[in-house]
Protein backbone atom coordinates (compact mmCIF):
# COMPACT_ATOMS: atom_id res chain seq x y z
CA MET A 1 25.17 -16.26 -4.11
CA ILE A 2 27.32 -13.44 -2.72
CA GLU A 3 27.82 -15.52 0.41
CA LYS A 4 29.09 -18.37 -1.73
CA GLU A 5 31.55 -16.03 -3.43
CA ALA A 6 32.84 -14.95 -0.01
CA ALA A 7 33.18 -18.61 0.96
CA LEU A 8 35.10 -19.23 -2.26
CA GLY A 9 37.57 -16.52 -1.34
CA GLU A 10 38.02 -18.05 2.10
CA THR A 11 38.55 -21.50 0.60
CA LEU A 12 41.19 -20.22 -1.80
CA ALA A 13 42.92 -18.22 0.94
CA SER A 14 43.16 -21.37 3.06
CA LEU A 15 45.09 -23.11 0.27
CA GLY A 16 47.84 -20.50 0.39
CA SER A 17 48.98 -20.79 -3.22
CA VAL A 18 47.18 -22.26 -6.23
CA ILE A 19 47.69 -23.36 -9.80
CA VAL A 20 44.42 -22.86 -11.66
CA ALA A 21 43.66 -25.20 -14.57
CA TYR A 22 42.60 -22.34 -16.83
CA SER A 23 41.01 -22.90 -20.23
CA GLY A 24 39.37 -19.49 -20.48
CA GLY A 25 35.88 -20.99 -20.19
CA VAL A 26 33.13 -19.69 -17.92
CA ASP A 27 34.11 -21.64 -14.81
CA SER A 28 37.91 -21.54 -14.97
CA ALA A 29 37.93 -17.84 -15.89
CA TYR A 30 35.81 -16.95 -12.87
CA LEU A 31 37.91 -19.18 -10.60
CA ALA A 32 41.15 -17.64 -11.89
CA TYR A 33 39.68 -14.15 -11.38
CA VAL A 34 38.69 -14.78 -7.76
CA ALA A 35 41.96 -16.60 -7.04
CA SER A 36 43.93 -13.65 -8.36
CA ARG A 37 41.90 -11.17 -6.32
CA THR A 38 42.34 -13.32 -3.22
CA LEU A 39 45.93 -14.53 -3.49
CA GLY A 40 47.62 -12.10 -5.84
CA ASP A 41 50.88 -13.51 -7.23
CA ARG A 42 50.29 -16.73 -5.30
CA ALA A 43 47.61 -17.61 -7.88
CA THR A 44 48.80 -18.71 -11.32
CA ALA A 45 46.42 -19.51 -14.15
CA VAL A 46 47.92 -22.16 -16.41
CA THR A 47 46.54 -22.87 -19.87
CA ALA A 48 47.34 -26.16 -21.58
CA ASP A 49 47.87 -25.71 -25.31
CA SER A 50 47.33 -28.80 -27.46
CA PRO A 51 45.79 -29.80 -30.82
CA SER A 52 42.38 -30.36 -29.17
CA TYR A 53 42.28 -26.83 -27.73
CA PRO A 54 40.66 -24.32 -30.14
CA ASP A 55 42.72 -21.28 -31.04
CA ARG A 56 39.69 -19.08 -30.32
CA HIS A 57 39.64 -20.28 -26.71
CA ARG A 58 43.36 -19.67 -26.39
CA ARG A 59 42.99 -16.09 -27.56
CA LEU A 60 40.12 -15.52 -25.12
CA ALA A 61 42.14 -16.96 -22.23
CA VAL A 62 45.06 -14.67 -23.04
CA GLN A 63 42.79 -11.64 -23.41
CA ILE A 64 41.10 -12.19 -20.05
CA ALA A 65 44.42 -12.74 -18.30
CA ARG A 66 45.73 -9.50 -19.76
CA ASP A 67 42.62 -7.42 -19.11
CA PHE A 68 42.19 -8.63 -15.50
CA GLY A 69 45.85 -8.78 -14.50
CA LEU A 70 46.01 -12.54 -14.01
CA ARG A 71 49.35 -14.22 -13.59
CA HIS A 72 49.17 -16.48 -16.63
CA GLU A 73 51.31 -19.18 -18.19
CA ILE A 74 50.81 -21.41 -21.21
CA ILE A 75 52.25 -24.93 -21.34
CA GLN A 76 52.19 -27.63 -24.01
CA THR A 77 50.43 -30.95 -23.38
CA HIS A 78 50.66 -33.99 -25.62
CA GLU A 79 47.54 -36.11 -25.24
CA LEU A 80 47.73 -37.13 -28.91
CA ASP A 81 50.92 -39.00 -28.04
CA VAL A 82 48.86 -41.20 -25.71
CA ALA A 83 47.54 -44.27 -27.54
CA GLU A 84 44.53 -44.63 -25.23
CA TYR A 85 43.48 -41.05 -25.96
CA ARG A 86 43.83 -41.43 -29.73
CA ALA A 87 41.69 -44.59 -29.61
CA ASN A 88 38.86 -42.37 -28.34
CA PRO A 89 37.13 -44.62 -25.78
CA SER A 90 34.17 -43.35 -23.78
CA ASN A 91 36.59 -42.31 -21.01
CA ARG A 92 38.84 -40.37 -23.39
CA CYS A 93 38.66 -37.35 -21.08
CA TYR A 94 40.40 -39.33 -18.36
CA PHE A 95 43.56 -39.66 -20.44
CA CYS A 96 43.45 -35.99 -21.41
CA LYS A 97 43.09 -34.85 -17.80
CA ARG A 98 45.76 -37.28 -16.65
CA GLU A 99 48.16 -35.65 -19.10
CA LEU A 100 47.10 -32.18 -17.93
CA TYR A 101 47.38 -32.88 -14.22
CA THR A 102 50.75 -34.59 -14.65
CA HIS A 103 52.11 -31.25 -15.86
CA LEU A 104 50.18 -29.05 -13.42
CA SER A 105 51.14 -31.22 -10.44
CA ARG A 106 54.82 -30.84 -11.28
CA ILE A 107 54.44 -27.06 -11.44
CA ALA A 108 52.51 -27.03 -8.18
CA ALA A 109 55.14 -29.17 -6.43
CA GLU A 110 57.88 -26.77 -7.51
CA ARG A 111 55.94 -23.80 -6.11
CA ASP A 112 54.43 -25.38 -3.01
CA ALA A 113 50.95 -24.81 -4.47
CA VAL A 114 47.70 -26.72 -4.88
CA VAL A 115 46.11 -27.49 -8.26
CA VAL A 116 42.50 -26.30 -8.53
CA ASP A 117 39.98 -26.77 -11.32
CA GLY A 118 36.68 -25.23 -12.39
CA SER A 119 34.31 -28.10 -11.65
CA ASN A 120 31.10 -26.73 -10.16
CA ALA A 121 28.14 -28.08 -8.20
CA ASP A 122 26.14 -28.83 -11.34
CA ASP A 123 28.84 -31.24 -12.54
CA ARG A 124 28.27 -33.75 -9.77
CA GLY A 125 25.60 -35.79 -11.54
CA ASP A 126 27.24 -35.75 -14.95
CA TYR A 127 29.44 -38.46 -16.46
CA ARG A 128 32.89 -36.88 -16.33
CA PRO A 129 35.73 -39.41 -16.50
CA GLY A 130 38.21 -36.56 -16.12
CA ARG A 131 37.15 -36.30 -12.48
CA GLN A 132 38.84 -39.64 -11.82
CA ALA A 133 42.15 -38.14 -12.92
CA ALA A 134 41.50 -35.12 -10.71
CA ARG A 135 40.99 -37.37 -7.69
CA GLU A 136 44.13 -39.35 -8.46
CA PHE A 137 46.21 -36.17 -8.53
CA GLY A 138 44.55 -34.55 -5.51
CA VAL A 139 43.08 -31.66 -7.51
CA CYS A 140 40.74 -29.41 -5.53
CA SER A 141 37.46 -28.02 -6.90
CA PRO A 142 36.69 -24.86 -4.89
CA LEU A 143 33.60 -23.90 -6.92
CA ASP A 144 32.05 -27.26 -6.15
CA GLU A 145 33.13 -27.12 -2.51
CA VAL A 146 31.16 -23.90 -1.94
CA GLU A 147 28.26 -25.27 -4.03
CA LEU A 148 28.34 -22.66 -6.76
CA THR A 149 26.15 -23.63 -9.73
CA LYS A 150 26.72 -22.76 -13.37
CA SER A 151 24.02 -20.11 -13.41
CA GLU A 152 25.46 -18.49 -10.28
CA ILE A 153 28.94 -18.49 -11.78
CA ARG A 154 27.61 -16.82 -14.91
CA GLU A 155 25.87 -14.12 -12.86
CA LEU A 156 28.90 -13.50 -10.65
CA SER A 157 31.06 -13.35 -13.78
CA ARG A 158 28.71 -10.77 -15.26
CA LEU A 159 28.93 -8.67 -12.11
CA ALA A 160 32.73 -8.91 -12.25
CA GLY A 161 32.75 -7.78 -15.88
CA LEU A 162 34.18 -11.03 -17.21
CA PRO A 163 33.36 -11.44 -20.93
CA THR A 164 32.86 -15.18 -20.43
CA TRP A 165 29.65 -14.72 -18.45
CA ASP A 166 27.47 -15.53 -21.47
CA GLU A 167 29.88 -17.71 -23.43
CA PRO A 168 28.22 -20.86 -24.81
CA ALA A 169 29.17 -24.15 -23.18
CA SER A 170 32.39 -25.39 -24.71
CA ALA A 171 34.26 -28.65 -25.02
CA CYS A 172 37.50 -29.74 -26.63
CA LEU A 173 37.59 -30.43 -30.36
CA SER A 174 37.98 -34.17 -29.77
CA SER A 175 34.41 -34.25 -28.45
CA ARG A 176 33.23 -33.73 -32.06
CA ILE A 177 34.50 -37.19 -33.02
CA PRO A 178 32.33 -40.22 -32.08
CA TYR A 179 33.75 -42.60 -29.52
CA GLN A 180 35.85 -45.46 -30.94
CA HIS A 181 36.81 -43.34 -33.97
CA GLU A 182 40.47 -42.37 -33.87
CA VAL A 183 41.39 -38.83 -32.88
CA THR A 184 43.98 -37.35 -35.23
CA ASP A 185 45.50 -33.92 -35.65
CA GLU A 186 44.13 -33.76 -39.20
CA LYS A 187 40.57 -34.31 -38.01
CA LEU A 188 40.92 -31.74 -35.25
CA ARG A 189 42.25 -29.07 -37.62
CA ALA A 190 39.45 -29.76 -40.10
CA ILE A 191 36.81 -29.48 -37.36
CA GLU A 192 38.29 -26.22 -36.08
CA GLN A 193 38.33 -24.72 -39.59
CA ALA A 194 34.73 -25.79 -40.13
CA GLU A 195 33.55 -24.21 -36.88
CA ASP A 196 35.41 -21.01 -37.69
CA ALA A 197 33.52 -20.90 -40.99
CA VAL A 198 30.13 -21.38 -39.28
CA ARG A 199 30.98 -18.75 -36.66
CA ALA A 200 31.94 -16.29 -39.41
CA LEU A 201 28.35 -16.56 -40.68
CA GLY A 202 27.06 -15.26 -37.35
CA PHE A 203 26.05 -18.47 -35.58
CA ARG A 204 26.80 -18.63 -31.88
CA VAL A 205 25.84 -22.01 -30.41
CA PHE A 206 26.78 -24.91 -32.65
CA ARG A 207 29.07 -27.89 -33.22
CA VAL A 208 30.53 -29.47 -36.34
CA ARG A 209 30.65 -33.26 -35.94
CA HIS A 210 33.08 -35.53 -37.76
CA HIS A 211 31.30 -38.76 -38.70
CA ASP A 212 33.74 -40.17 -41.27
CA GLU A 213 31.41 -39.94 -44.27
CA VAL A 214 29.33 -37.09 -42.87
CA ALA A 215 30.22 -33.55 -41.85
CA ARG A 216 27.29 -32.71 -39.55
CA ILE A 217 26.51 -29.22 -38.32
CA GLU A 218 24.46 -29.01 -35.11
CA ILE A 219 22.96 -25.61 -34.41
CA ALA A 220 21.02 -24.38 -31.38
CA ARG A 221 17.24 -24.66 -31.70
CA ASP A 222 16.69 -20.89 -31.62
CA GLU A 223 19.19 -20.38 -34.46
CA MET A 224 17.84 -23.23 -36.61
CA PRO A 225 15.23 -21.20 -38.56
CA ARG A 226 18.00 -18.94 -39.85
CA ALA A 227 20.18 -21.94 -40.73
CA LEU A 228 17.33 -23.37 -42.82
CA ASP A 229 16.81 -20.15 -44.74
CA PRO A 230 17.77 -21.02 -48.34
CA ASP A 231 20.32 -18.23 -48.70
CA VAL A 232 21.97 -18.94 -45.35
CA SER A 233 21.88 -22.68 -45.96
CA THR A 234 23.66 -22.19 -49.26
CA ALA A 235 26.24 -19.97 -47.56
CA LEU A 236 26.84 -22.65 -44.93
CA VAL A 237 27.49 -25.29 -47.55
CA ARG A 238 29.76 -22.98 -49.53
CA ALA A 239 31.67 -21.92 -46.42
CA GLU A 240 32.22 -25.50 -45.33
CA GLY A 241 33.26 -26.57 -48.80
CA ALA A 242 35.68 -23.67 -49.17
CA ARG A 243 37.30 -24.25 -45.80
CA LEU A 244 37.34 -28.03 -45.86
CA SER A 245 37.53 -28.91 -49.56
CA LEU A 246 34.51 -31.17 -49.16
CA ARG A 247 34.86 -32.58 -52.64
CA GLN A 248 37.03 -35.08 -54.48
CA PRO A 249 39.80 -35.79 -53.81
CA ARG A 250 39.01 -36.18 -50.11
CA PRO A 251 41.52 -34.65 -47.69
CA PRO A 252 42.51 -36.52 -44.52
CA GLY A 253 40.14 -34.27 -42.55
CA LEU A 254 36.38 -34.08 -42.99
CA PRO A 255 34.97 -35.99 -45.99
CA HIS A 256 32.81 -34.61 -48.76
CA ARG A 257 29.92 -36.98 -49.04
CA GLN A 258 27.23 -35.26 -46.99
CA LEU A 259 26.84 -32.00 -45.10
CA GLU A 260 23.92 -32.31 -42.68
CA ARG A 261 22.38 -29.69 -40.41
CA ARG A 262 20.32 -30.55 -37.36
CA PRO A 263 19.28 -28.88 -34.09
CA ALA A 264 21.87 -29.10 -31.38
CA ALA A 265 20.75 -30.68 -28.14
CA PRO A 266 23.34 -29.90 -25.47
CA THR A 267 22.79 -32.37 -22.63
CA ARG A 268 24.79 -33.35 -19.62
CA VAL A 269 25.55 -37.02 -20.28
CA ASN A 270 28.26 -38.18 -22.67
CA THR A 271 27.41 -41.19 -24.80
CA VAL A 272 28.31 -42.38 -28.26
CA ALA A 273 27.18 -40.03 -31.02
CA ARG A 274 25.35 -41.97 -33.70
CA PRO A 275 25.00 -40.70 -37.29
CA SER A 276 21.56 -39.90 -38.57
CA THR A 277 20.15 -41.49 -41.71
CA GLY A 278 17.40 -38.92 -42.07
CA SER A 279 17.22 -35.46 -43.60
CA GLY A 280 18.97 -33.83 -40.68
CA ARG A 281 16.01 -31.69 -39.65
CA ALA A 282 14.51 -34.02 -37.08
CA TRP A 283 15.18 -33.31 -33.42
CA ARG A 284 17.77 -35.79 -32.12
CA ARG A 285 19.42 -36.03 -28.74
CA ASN A 286 23.17 -35.95 -29.08
CA ARG A 287 24.80 -36.48 -25.71
CA SER A 288 28.44 -35.81 -26.46
CA TRP A 289 27.90 -32.05 -26.73
């Protein structure tokens, strides 16, 4: 593992100057950290701010950049202006990454730098349409090149003191909307408010899904017993209702009709999320985690 980290430094040094696609997640934070330690001011971490990017992640990215002395910039991206993205096909991520890399490639060209992302060795077998956009724009993936896995990145992040080392896996807010259902700013804001409400109750690994007539909370298996406690369950419903107005008249965000809780099953393949017709307590595989 330490040898891989040394190889990562060598790989980054060979690039001369880099623009890191930096969301503040586990992988991109570690990559930005090593790039900064290796290249100094020739490494710039760039965060793309957009409606699908949670404010919590933005604050974490800024905090890490400040605490670890990263050269950091925030730009605006506009994937919601792209009709193909709003239509939410199964390759939605391609259109998001194409928008991102269009901006990052321009910055890199101006600074004679190379765009790098946080894809790691574990991502190779997963369905990730965004990788097509990365290939089209010549984006490099140093973590993957030196065969660093997610668990190794977490451990190296812990050793470096990065607060992201034990952050739950994260994805953009649009991933909470089933494929073929339109992505709108109103839906994204409603989802973000709902997840803030669940987080405020002390839950750590969860998602709030937008299924038109259902607001579905998915919670990690080890946190499910607490979620099903009558008092906590009531607090969840009240929190969601207060934040989202899940009652008549329906707002343009999440609807009121049903609030369902079920165990979250984070997997590595993205497919269409299908609503449940059951009580919500049965174990179901949801692959758009």
